[in-house]
Amino acid sequence: MRFLRPVMAFQAFCDQQTDGGGWTLVWSYTFTTYSSFNTGANEVTPRPTWTASSAITRVSTTAPLSETHYEAMNFDLWRTIGNQTLIKSNINNWIACKEGTGSIVREKAGSVSCKLVKQGSQQCAGVEPTRLLKGSAGPYHISPPVVCIITLKRIRVVVGPRVTRAAKTKQIS
């Protein structure tokens, strides 16, 4: 038997319920000053290994094993898992995004096609991001005409090829 590309095994938390399942948790984070959320010194922690020239918080390369295990899988591995992202928040809307000219997993600014998965906030009710920007602390979504930055409070980012359970069973057998 020959593998055409290297195979790497790792433990991961997988979400098989949200928006059809097939999602692998790659990043779960909180903030350095959660109790004073709106202060200028508040930063995401931990952060992935993506380019972030102004970020000063701890970098993680450990896959989170639950949604409250604040870690970030090595960013270079994200694109090997899939190219769609599901962003789940404890205070904001949950959104699922497909690449357009922009991509979180490829760290590229541009258009994205997102849909609302779960309404979690009235602040950005019904807003679906259409663009991905790349800032000095990493990528973030924007939603014209109202800017709704999706990186709020405790966020979980999950990436997946969106393989259904039936397809997974078929692949294994």
N, C-alpha and C. Protein backbone atom coordinates (compact mmCIF):
# COMPACT_ATOMS: atom_id res chain seq x y z
N MET A 1 0.84 -1.17 0.00
CA MET A 1 0.00 0.00 0.00
C MET A 1 0.89 1.23 0.00
N ARG A 2 0.54 2.22 -0.80
CA ARG A 2 1.30 3.45 -0.91
C ARG A 2 0.40 4.65 -0.70
N PHE A 3 0.83 5.60 0.10
CA PHE A 3 0.07 6.83 0.30
C PHE A 3 0.63 7.91 -0.61
N LEU A 4 -0.23 8.64 -1.29
CA LEU A 4 0.21 9.69 -2.18
C LEU A 4 0.62 10.94 -1.43
N ARG A 5 0.07 11.14 -0.24
CA ARG A 5 0.49 12.26 0.59
C ARG A 5 0.62 11.77 2.02
N PRO A 6 1.44 12.43 2.81
CA PRO A 6 1.65 11.98 4.19
C PRO A 6 0.34 11.97 4.98
N VAL A 7 0.20 11.01 5.85
CA VAL A 7 -0.98 10.89 6.70
C VAL A 7 -0.56 11.24 8.12
N MET A 8 -1.35 12.07 8.76
CA MET A 8 -1.04 12.45 10.14
C MET A 8 -2.28 12.19 10.99
N ALA A 9 -2.12 11.46 12.05
CA ALA A 9 -3.23 11.21 12.96
C ALA A 9 -3.16 12.18 14.13
N PHE A 10 -4.32 12.64 14.59
CA PHE A 10 -4.37 13.52 15.75
C PHE A 10 -5.74 13.41 16.38
N GLN A 11 -5.81 13.72 17.67
CA GLN A 11 -7.09 13.76 18.36
C GLN A 11 -7.77 15.07 18.03
N ALA A 12 -9.10 15.03 17.88
CA ALA A 12 -9.84 16.24 17.55
C ALA A 12 -11.26 16.15 18.07
N PHE A 13 -11.85 17.29 18.30
CA PHE A 13 -13.26 17.38 18.64
C PHE A 13 -14.02 17.60 17.34
N CYS A 14 -15.00 16.76 17.07
CA CYS A 14 -15.78 16.88 15.84
C CYS A 14 -17.23 17.18 16.17
N ASP A 15 -17.81 18.11 15.45
CA ASP A 15 -19.21 18.51 15.62
C ASP A 15 -20.00 17.83 14.51
N GLN A 16 -20.81 16.85 14.88
CA GLN A 16 -21.62 16.12 13.90
C GLN A 16 -23.08 16.58 13.92
N GLN A 17 -23.39 17.64 14.67
CA GLN A 17 -24.77 18.10 14.78
C GLN A 17 -25.04 19.40 14.03
N THR A 18 -24.18 20.38 14.21
CA THR A 18 -24.43 21.71 13.67
C THR A 18 -24.38 21.74 12.15
N ASP A 19 -25.41 22.28 11.53
CA ASP A 19 -25.47 22.49 10.08
C ASP A 19 -25.05 21.25 9.28
N GLY A 20 -25.55 20.10 9.66
CA GLY A 20 -25.28 18.87 8.93
C GLY A 20 -24.07 18.08 9.37
N GLY A 21 -23.28 18.64 10.31
CA GLY A 21 -22.11 17.92 10.84
C GLY A 21 -20.93 17.92 9.90
N GLY A 22 -19.90 17.17 10.28
CA GLY A 22 -18.68 17.06 9.48
C GLY A 22 -17.67 18.15 9.77
N TRP A 23 -17.75 18.78 10.96
CA TRP A 23 -16.86 19.88 11.32
C TRP A 23 -15.80 19.43 12.31
N THR A 24 -14.57 19.87 12.14
CA THR A 24 -13.47 19.59 13.06
C THR A 24 -13.11 20.89 13.77
N LEU A 25 -13.08 20.88 15.10
CA LEU A 25 -12.73 22.07 15.87
C LEU A 25 -11.23 22.33 15.74
N VAL A 26 -10.88 23.52 15.22
CA VAL A 26 -9.47 23.85 15.03
C VAL A 26 -9.01 24.98 15.95
N TRP A 27 -9.97 25.76 16.52
CA TRP A 27 -9.58 26.88 17.37
C TRP A 27 -10.72 27.22 18.31
N SER A 28 -10.40 27.32 19.57
CA SER A 28 -11.34 27.78 20.58
C SER A 28 -10.60 28.79 21.43
N TYR A 29 -11.18 29.98 21.58
CA TYR A 29 -10.44 31.01 22.31
C TYR A 29 -11.34 31.84 23.22
N THR A 30 -10.69 32.58 24.08
CA THR A 30 -11.33 33.55 24.95
C THR A 30 -10.51 34.83 24.83
N PHE A 31 -10.64 35.73 25.79
CA PHE A 31 -9.90 36.99 25.74
C PHE A 31 -9.09 37.20 27.00
N THR A 32 -8.05 38.02 26.88
CA THR A 32 -7.15 38.26 28.01
C THR A 32 -7.82 39.05 29.12
N THR A 33 -8.75 39.92 28.78
CA THR A 33 -9.44 40.74 29.78
C THR A 33 -10.94 40.59 29.57
N TYR A 34 -11.44 39.39 29.73
CA TYR A 34 -12.85 39.09 29.47
C TYR A 34 -13.77 39.96 30.32
N SER A 35 -13.40 40.23 31.57
CA SER A 35 -14.26 41.02 32.45
C SER A 35 -14.34 42.49 32.01
N SER A 36 -13.34 42.96 31.29
CA SER A 36 -13.34 44.33 30.74
C SER A 36 -13.21 44.22 29.22
N PHE A 37 -14.20 43.61 28.62
CA PHE A 37 -14.13 43.21 27.22
C PHE A 37 -13.78 44.35 26.26
N ASN A 38 -14.28 45.54 26.49
CA ASN A 38 -14.10 46.64 25.54
C ASN A 38 -12.83 47.45 25.74
N THR A 39 -11.91 47.01 26.57
CA THR A 39 -10.67 47.76 26.76
C THR A 39 -9.73 47.53 25.59
N GLY A 40 -8.88 48.50 25.32
CA GLY A 40 -7.93 48.40 24.22
C GLY A 40 -6.89 47.32 24.42
N ALA A 41 -6.66 46.91 25.66
CA ALA A 41 -5.65 45.90 25.95
C ALA A 41 -6.18 44.48 25.79
N ASN A 42 -7.47 44.33 25.52
CA ASN A 42 -8.10 43.02 25.41
C ASN A 42 -7.67 42.34 24.10
N GLU A 43 -7.16 41.11 24.20
CA GLU A 43 -6.72 40.38 23.02
C GLU A 43 -7.21 38.94 23.05
N VAL A 44 -7.29 38.35 21.86
CA VAL A 44 -7.66 36.94 21.71
C VAL A 44 -6.54 36.08 22.28
N THR A 45 -6.91 35.05 23.04
CA THR A 45 -5.91 34.11 23.55
C THR A 45 -6.51 32.71 23.63
N PRO A 46 -5.80 31.70 23.18
CA PRO A 46 -4.56 31.77 22.43
C PRO A 46 -4.86 32.14 20.99
N ARG A 47 -3.84 32.32 20.21
CA ARG A 47 -4.05 32.60 18.79
C ARG A 47 -3.38 31.53 17.95
N PRO A 48 -3.92 31.33 16.73
CA PRO A 48 -3.29 30.36 15.83
C PRO A 48 -1.94 30.85 15.33
N THR A 49 -1.25 30.02 14.60
CA THR A 49 0.08 30.36 14.09
C THR A 49 0.02 31.17 12.80
N TRP A 50 -1.14 31.81 12.52
CA TRP A 50 -1.20 32.64 11.32
C TRP A 50 -0.44 33.94 11.52
N THR A 51 -0.24 34.68 10.43
CA THR A 51 0.49 35.94 10.47
C THR A 51 -0.30 36.96 11.27
N ALA A 52 0.30 37.51 12.30
CA ALA A 52 -0.36 38.50 13.16
C ALA A 52 0.71 39.39 13.77
N SER A 53 1.15 40.38 13.01
CA SER A 53 2.28 41.21 13.43
C SER A 53 2.03 42.00 14.71
N SER A 54 0.77 42.36 15.01
CA SER A 54 0.53 43.17 16.21
C SER A 54 0.08 42.34 17.41
N ALA A 55 -0.14 41.05 17.23
CA ALA A 55 -0.61 40.21 18.33
C ALA A 55 0.53 39.87 19.27
N ILE A 56 0.24 39.90 20.58
CA ILE A 56 1.28 39.61 21.57
C ILE A 56 0.90 38.45 22.49
N THR A 57 -0.24 37.82 22.22
CA THR A 57 -0.68 36.72 23.08
C THR A 57 -0.05 35.39 22.68
N ARG A 58 -0.23 34.42 23.55
CA ARG A 58 0.33 33.08 23.37
C ARG A 58 -0.14 32.46 22.06
N VAL A 59 0.78 31.81 21.36
CA VAL A 59 0.48 31.07 20.13
C VAL A 59 0.30 29.60 20.52
N SER A 60 -0.69 28.97 19.90
CA SER A 60 -0.96 27.57 20.21
C SER A 60 -0.83 26.71 18.95
N THR A 61 -0.37 25.48 19.14
CA THR A 61 -0.35 24.49 18.06
C THR A 61 -1.00 23.19 18.51
N THR A 62 -1.80 23.28 19.57
CA THR A 62 -2.47 22.12 20.14
C THR A 62 -3.94 22.11 19.73
N ALA A 63 -4.40 21.02 19.15
CA ALA A 63 -5.81 20.93 18.75
C ALA A 63 -6.70 20.95 20.00
N PRO A 64 -7.75 21.80 20.01
CA PRO A 64 -8.66 21.80 21.15
C PRO A 64 -9.49 20.52 21.17
N LEU A 65 -9.66 19.94 22.35
CA LEU A 65 -10.39 18.67 22.46
C LEU A 65 -11.83 18.86 22.94
N SER A 66 -12.22 20.12 23.18
CA SER A 66 -13.61 20.45 23.49
C SER A 66 -13.80 21.92 23.16
N GLU A 67 -15.03 22.37 23.14
CA GLU A 67 -15.28 23.76 22.80
C GLU A 67 -14.83 24.74 23.89
N THR A 68 -14.56 24.24 25.08
CA THR A 68 -14.06 25.12 26.16
C THR A 68 -12.59 24.87 26.47
N HIS A 69 -11.92 24.10 25.64
CA HIS A 69 -10.48 23.86 25.75
C HIS A 69 -9.82 24.88 24.82
N TYR A 70 -9.34 25.98 25.37
CA TYR A 70 -8.87 27.11 24.57
C TYR A 70 -7.49 26.86 24.00
N GLU A 71 -7.47 26.37 22.78
CA GLU A 71 -6.25 26.06 22.05
C GLU A 71 -6.51 26.28 20.56
N ALA A 72 -5.47 26.19 19.75
CA ALA A 72 -5.57 26.34 18.31
C ALA A 72 -4.66 25.36 17.61
N MET A 73 -5.24 24.53 16.78
CA MET A 73 -4.46 23.59 15.98
C MET A 73 -3.48 24.38 15.11
N ASN A 74 -2.32 23.83 14.82
CA ASN A 74 -1.36 24.47 13.94
C ASN A 74 -2.09 24.95 12.68
N PHE A 75 -1.98 26.24 12.40
CA PHE A 75 -2.73 26.86 11.30
C PHE A 75 -2.44 26.21 9.95
N ASP A 76 -1.24 25.74 9.73
CA ASP A 76 -0.89 25.09 8.46
C ASP A 76 -1.72 23.84 8.19
N LEU A 77 -2.26 23.24 9.25
CA LEU A 77 -3.07 22.02 9.08
C LEU A 77 -4.52 22.32 8.73
N TRP A 78 -4.99 23.53 9.00
CA TRP A 78 -6.40 23.85 8.77
C TRP A 78 -6.83 23.54 7.34
N ARG A 79 -6.02 23.95 6.37
CA ARG A 79 -6.42 23.77 4.96
C ARG A 79 -6.40 22.31 4.53
N THR A 80 -5.71 21.44 5.28
CA THR A 80 -5.72 20.02 4.94
C THR A 80 -7.02 19.36 5.40
N ILE A 81 -7.72 20.01 6.31
CA ILE A 81 -8.97 19.47 6.84
C ILE A 81 -10.16 19.87 5.97
N GLY A 82 -10.15 21.09 5.49
CA GLY A 82 -11.27 21.56 4.66
C GLY A 82 -11.15 23.03 4.34
N ASN A 83 -12.09 23.54 3.56
CA ASN A 83 -12.04 24.93 3.16
C ASN A 83 -13.30 25.72 3.53
N GLN A 84 -14.17 25.11 4.32
CA GLN A 84 -15.34 25.81 4.82
C GLN A 84 -15.16 26.04 6.31
N THR A 85 -15.70 27.14 6.82
CA THR A 85 -15.58 27.42 8.24
C THR A 85 -16.94 27.61 8.86
N LEU A 86 -17.06 27.18 10.10
CA LEU A 86 -18.25 27.39 10.92
C LEU A 86 -17.76 28.15 12.14
N ILE A 87 -18.33 29.31 12.37
CA ILE A 87 -17.93 30.12 13.52
C ILE A 87 -19.09 30.13 14.50
N LYS A 88 -18.82 29.60 15.70
CA LYS A 88 -19.83 29.50 16.76
C LYS A 88 -19.42 30.43 17.89
N SER A 89 -20.36 31.19 18.41
CA SER A 89 -20.08 32.16 19.45
C SER A 89 -21.07 32.00 20.59
N ASN A 90 -20.63 32.35 21.80
CA ASN A 90 -21.56 32.29 22.93
C ASN A 90 -22.41 33.56 23.03
N ILE A 91 -22.07 34.62 22.28
CA ILE A 91 -22.85 35.86 22.34
C ILE A 91 -23.23 36.41 20.98
N ASN A 92 -22.82 35.78 19.91
CA ASN A 92 -23.07 36.31 18.58
C ASN A 92 -23.69 35.23 17.71
N ASN A 93 -23.96 35.55 16.46
CA ASN A 93 -24.54 34.58 15.54
C ASN A 93 -23.53 33.51 15.15
N TRP A 94 -24.06 32.34 14.82
CA TRP A 94 -23.23 31.27 14.28
C TRP A 94 -23.34 31.37 12.77
N ILE A 95 -22.21 31.34 12.08
CA ILE A 95 -22.22 31.43 10.62
C ILE A 95 -21.36 30.33 10.02
N ALA A 96 -21.76 29.87 8.84
CA ALA A 96 -20.96 28.91 8.07
C ALA A 96 -20.56 29.62 6.78
N CYS A 97 -19.27 29.56 6.44
CA CYS A 97 -18.76 30.30 5.28
C CYS A 97 -18.00 29.39 4.32
N LYS A 98 -18.21 29.65 3.03
CA LYS A 98 -17.46 28.99 1.97
C LYS A 98 -16.50 30.00 1.37
N GLU A 99 -15.39 29.49 0.86
CA GLU A 99 -14.42 30.36 0.20
C GLU A 99 -15.02 31.00 -1.03
N GLY A 100 -14.60 32.22 -1.29
CA GLY A 100 -14.82 32.89 -2.56
C GLY A 100 -13.44 33.26 -3.04
N THR A 101 -13.21 34.57 -3.20
CA THR A 101 -11.84 35.00 -3.47
C THR A 101 -11.07 35.11 -2.16
N GLY A 102 -11.79 35.09 -1.03
CA GLY A 102 -11.18 35.14 0.29
C GLY A 102 -11.31 33.81 1.00
N SER A 103 -10.42 33.57 1.96
CA SER A 103 -10.44 32.30 2.68
C SER A 103 -9.73 32.44 4.03
N ILE A 104 -10.38 31.97 5.09
CA ILE A 104 -9.72 31.96 6.40
C ILE A 104 -8.56 30.96 6.37
N VAL A 105 -8.81 29.75 5.85
CA VAL A 105 -7.79 28.70 5.91
C VAL A 105 -6.59 28.98 5.00
N ARG A 106 -6.75 29.84 4.03
CA ARG A 106 -5.63 30.22 3.16
C ARG A 106 -5.09 31.61 3.51
N GLU A 107 -5.68 32.21 4.57
CA GLU A 107 -5.25 33.52 5.07
C GLU A 107 -5.25 34.56 3.94
N LYS A 108 -6.38 34.63 3.23
CA LYS A 108 -6.48 35.48 2.06
C LYS A 108 -7.72 36.36 2.14
N ALA A 109 -7.53 37.68 2.01
CA ALA A 109 -8.65 38.61 2.02
C ALA A 109 -9.44 38.47 0.72
N GLY A 110 -10.75 38.73 0.80
CA GLY A 110 -11.59 38.68 -0.39
C GLY A 110 -13.01 38.31 -0.03
N SER A 111 -13.78 37.94 -1.03
CA SER A 111 -15.19 37.62 -0.81
C SER A 111 -15.35 36.22 -0.21
N VAL A 112 -16.39 36.08 0.59
CA VAL A 112 -16.79 34.79 1.15
C VAL A 112 -18.30 34.69 1.02
N SER A 113 -18.80 33.48 1.00
CA SER A 113 -20.23 33.23 0.94
C SER A 113 -20.65 32.59 2.26
N CYS A 114 -21.36 33.35 3.09
CA CYS A 114 -21.73 32.88 4.42
C CYS A 114 -23.23 32.75 4.56
N LYS A 115 -23.64 31.89 5.48
CA LYS A 115 -25.06 31.78 5.80
C LYS A 115 -25.20 31.74 7.31
N LEU A 116 -26.32 32.24 7.79
CA LEU A 116 -26.63 32.22 9.20
C LEU A 116 -27.05 30.81 9.60
N VAL A 117 -26.39 30.25 10.62
CA VAL A 117 -26.71 28.91 11.09
C VAL A 117 -27.59 28.99 12.33
N LYS A 118 -27.29 29.96 13.21
CA LYS A 118 -28.07 30.12 14.44
C LYS A 118 -28.02 31.60 14.85
N GLN A 119 -29.19 32.18 15.09
CA GLN A 119 -29.27 33.56 15.56
C GLN A 119 -28.91 33.59 17.04
N GLY A 120 -27.85 34.33 17.38
CA GLY A 120 -27.42 34.39 18.77
C GLY A 120 -27.38 35.79 19.32
N SER A 121 -27.59 36.79 18.44
CA SER A 121 -27.48 38.19 18.84
C SER A 121 -28.42 39.04 18.03
N GLN A 122 -29.01 40.01 18.67
CA GLN A 122 -29.83 40.98 17.95
C GLN A 122 -28.96 42.09 17.36
N GLN A 123 -27.74 42.23 17.87
CA GLN A 123 -26.83 43.27 17.41
C GLN A 123 -26.57 43.16 15.91
N CYS A 124 -26.42 41.97 15.41
CA CYS A 124 -26.16 41.74 13.99
C CYS A 124 -27.20 40.79 13.43
N ALA A 125 -28.45 41.00 13.80
CA ALA A 125 -29.54 40.10 13.41
C ALA A 125 -29.61 39.93 11.90
N GLY A 126 -29.54 38.69 11.43
CA GLY A 126 -29.68 38.37 10.02
C GLY A 126 -28.49 38.76 9.15
N VAL A 127 -27.43 39.29 9.72
CA VAL A 127 -26.28 39.73 8.93
C VAL A 127 -25.38 38.54 8.62
N GLU A 128 -25.03 38.39 7.37
CA GLU A 128 -24.12 37.34 6.94
C GLU A 128 -22.91 38.00 6.30
N PRO A 129 -21.72 37.74 6.82
CA PRO A 129 -20.51 38.37 6.26
C PRO A 129 -20.34 38.06 4.77
N THR A 130 -19.82 39.02 4.05
CA THR A 130 -19.58 38.85 2.61
C THR A 130 -18.11 39.02 2.24
N ARG A 131 -17.31 39.54 3.17
CA ARG A 131 -15.90 39.78 2.89
C ARG A 131 -15.05 39.36 4.07
N LEU A 132 -13.85 38.97 3.77
CA LEU A 132 -12.86 38.63 4.78
C LEU A 132 -11.71 39.61 4.60
N LEU A 133 -11.34 40.26 5.70
CA LEU A 133 -10.19 41.17 5.68
C LEU A 133 -9.06 40.55 6.48
N LYS A 134 -7.87 41.01 6.23
CA LYS A 134 -6.73 40.52 6.97
C LYS A 134 -6.12 41.69 7.72
N GLY A 135 -6.22 41.66 9.06
CA GLY A 135 -5.68 42.73 9.88
C GLY A 135 -4.35 42.33 10.49
N SER A 136 -3.81 43.22 11.29
CA SER A 136 -2.51 42.96 11.90
C SER A 136 -2.58 41.91 13.01
N ALA A 137 -3.80 41.55 13.43
CA ALA A 137 -3.96 40.50 14.44
C ALA A 137 -4.51 39.21 13.84
N GLY A 138 -4.70 39.19 12.52
CA GLY A 138 -5.23 38.01 11.85
C GLY A 138 -6.46 38.34 11.04
N PRO A 139 -7.07 37.35 10.36
CA PRO A 139 -8.22 37.61 9.51
C PRO A 139 -9.50 37.87 10.30
N TYR A 140 -10.42 38.62 9.72
CA TYR A 140 -11.74 38.82 10.32
C TYR A 140 -12.77 39.11 9.24
N HIS A 141 -14.05 38.83 9.54
CA HIS A 141 -15.15 39.04 8.60
C HIS A 141 -15.73 40.44 8.75
N ILE A 142 -16.23 40.98 7.65
CA ILE A 142 -17.02 42.21 7.72
C ILE A 142 -18.31 41.98 6.96
N SER A 143 -19.33 42.77 7.29
CA SER A 143 -20.63 42.61 6.68
C SER A 143 -21.18 43.97 6.27
N PRO A 144 -21.08 44.35 5.03
CA PRO A 144 -21.68 45.62 4.61
C PRO A 144 -23.20 45.50 4.63
N PRO A 145 -23.96 46.58 4.87
CA PRO A 145 -23.45 47.92 5.13
C PRO A 145 -23.08 48.13 6.59
N VAL A 146 -23.53 47.27 7.49
CA VAL A 146 -23.20 47.39 8.90
C VAL A 146 -21.99 46.53 9.18
N VAL A 147 -20.99 47.08 9.82
CA VAL A 147 -19.80 46.28 10.14
C VAL A 147 -20.09 45.46 11.39
N CYS A 148 -20.03 44.16 11.26
CA CYS A 148 -20.22 43.25 12.39
C CYS A 148 -18.98 42.37 12.44
N ILE A 149 -18.04 42.71 13.29
CA ILE A 149 -16.84 41.90 13.41
C ILE A 149 -17.23 40.62 14.15
N ILE A 150 -16.96 39.49 13.58
CA ILE A 150 -17.42 38.21 14.10
C ILE A 150 -16.52 37.68 15.21
N THR A 151 -15.41 38.30 15.49
CA THR A 151 -14.53 37.81 16.55
C THR A 151 -14.92 38.43 17.89
N LEU A 152 -16.02 38.00 18.46
CA LEU A 152 -16.48 38.53 19.74
C LEU A 152 -16.50 37.46 20.83
N LYS A 153 -15.96 37.78 21.95
CA LYS A 153 -15.92 36.94 23.16
C LYS A 153 -15.52 35.50 22.88
N ARG A 154 -16.14 34.52 23.51
CA ARG A 154 -15.68 33.13 23.38
C ARG A 154 -16.13 32.53 22.07
N ILE A 155 -15.22 32.30 21.18
CA ILE A 155 -15.53 31.83 19.84
C ILE A 155 -14.90 30.47 19.60
N ARG A 156 -15.58 29.66 18.83
CA ARG A 156 -15.02 28.39 18.38
C ARG A 156 -15.03 28.42 16.85
N VAL A 157 -13.91 28.13 16.23
CA VAL A 157 -13.84 28.05 14.78
C VAL A 157 -13.64 26.59 14.44
N VAL A 158 -14.52 26.10 13.59
CA VAL A 158 -14.41 24.70 13.16
C VAL A 158 -14.31 24.69 11.65
N VAL A 159 -13.51 23.79 11.14
CA VAL A 159 -13.26 23.70 9.70
C VAL A 159 -13.64 22.31 9.26
N GLY A 160 -14.18 22.19 8.06
CA GLY A 160 -14.52 20.86 7.59
C GLY A 160 -14.74 20.77 6.11
N PRO A 161 -14.55 19.59 5.57
CA PRO A 161 -14.85 19.35 4.18
C PRO A 161 -16.34 19.10 3.99
N ARG A 162 -17.08 19.07 5.10
CA ARG A 162 -18.52 18.85 5.11
C ARG A 162 -18.88 17.48 4.56
N VAL A 163 -18.22 16.45 5.03
CA VAL A 163 -18.53 15.08 4.66
C VAL A 163 -19.66 14.61 5.57
N THR A 164 -20.70 14.07 4.99
CA THR A 164 -21.84 13.61 5.79
C THR A 164 -21.49 12.30 6.49
N ARG A 165 -22.28 11.96 7.50
CA ARG A 165 -22.03 10.71 8.23
C ARG A 165 -22.13 9.51 7.30
N ALA A 166 -23.11 9.52 6.40
CA ALA A 166 -23.28 8.40 5.47
C ALA A 166 -22.05 8.26 4.58
N ALA A 167 -21.53 9.39 4.12
CA ALA A 167 -20.32 9.34 3.28
C ALA A 167 -19.12 8.86 4.06
N LYS A 168 -19.02 9.24 5.32
CA LYS A 168 -17.91 8.78 6.15
C LYS A 168 -17.96 7.27 6.32
N THR A 169 -19.16 6.74 6.57
CA THR A 169 -19.32 5.29 6.74
C THR A 169 -18.92 4.59 5.46
N LYS A 170 -19.33 5.14 4.33
CA LYS A 170 -19.01 4.54 3.05
C LYS A 170 -17.49 4.56 2.79
N GLN A 171 -16.83 5.65 3.16
CA GLN A 171 -15.38 5.77 2.96
C GLN A 171 -14.61 4.76 3.80
N ILE A 172 -15.09 4.51 5.01
CA ILE A 172 -14.39 3.61 5.94
C ILE A 172 -14.52 2.16 5.51
N SER A 173 -15.70 1.78 5.01
CA SER A 173 -15.91 0.37 4.68
C SER A 173 -15.29 -0.04 3.37
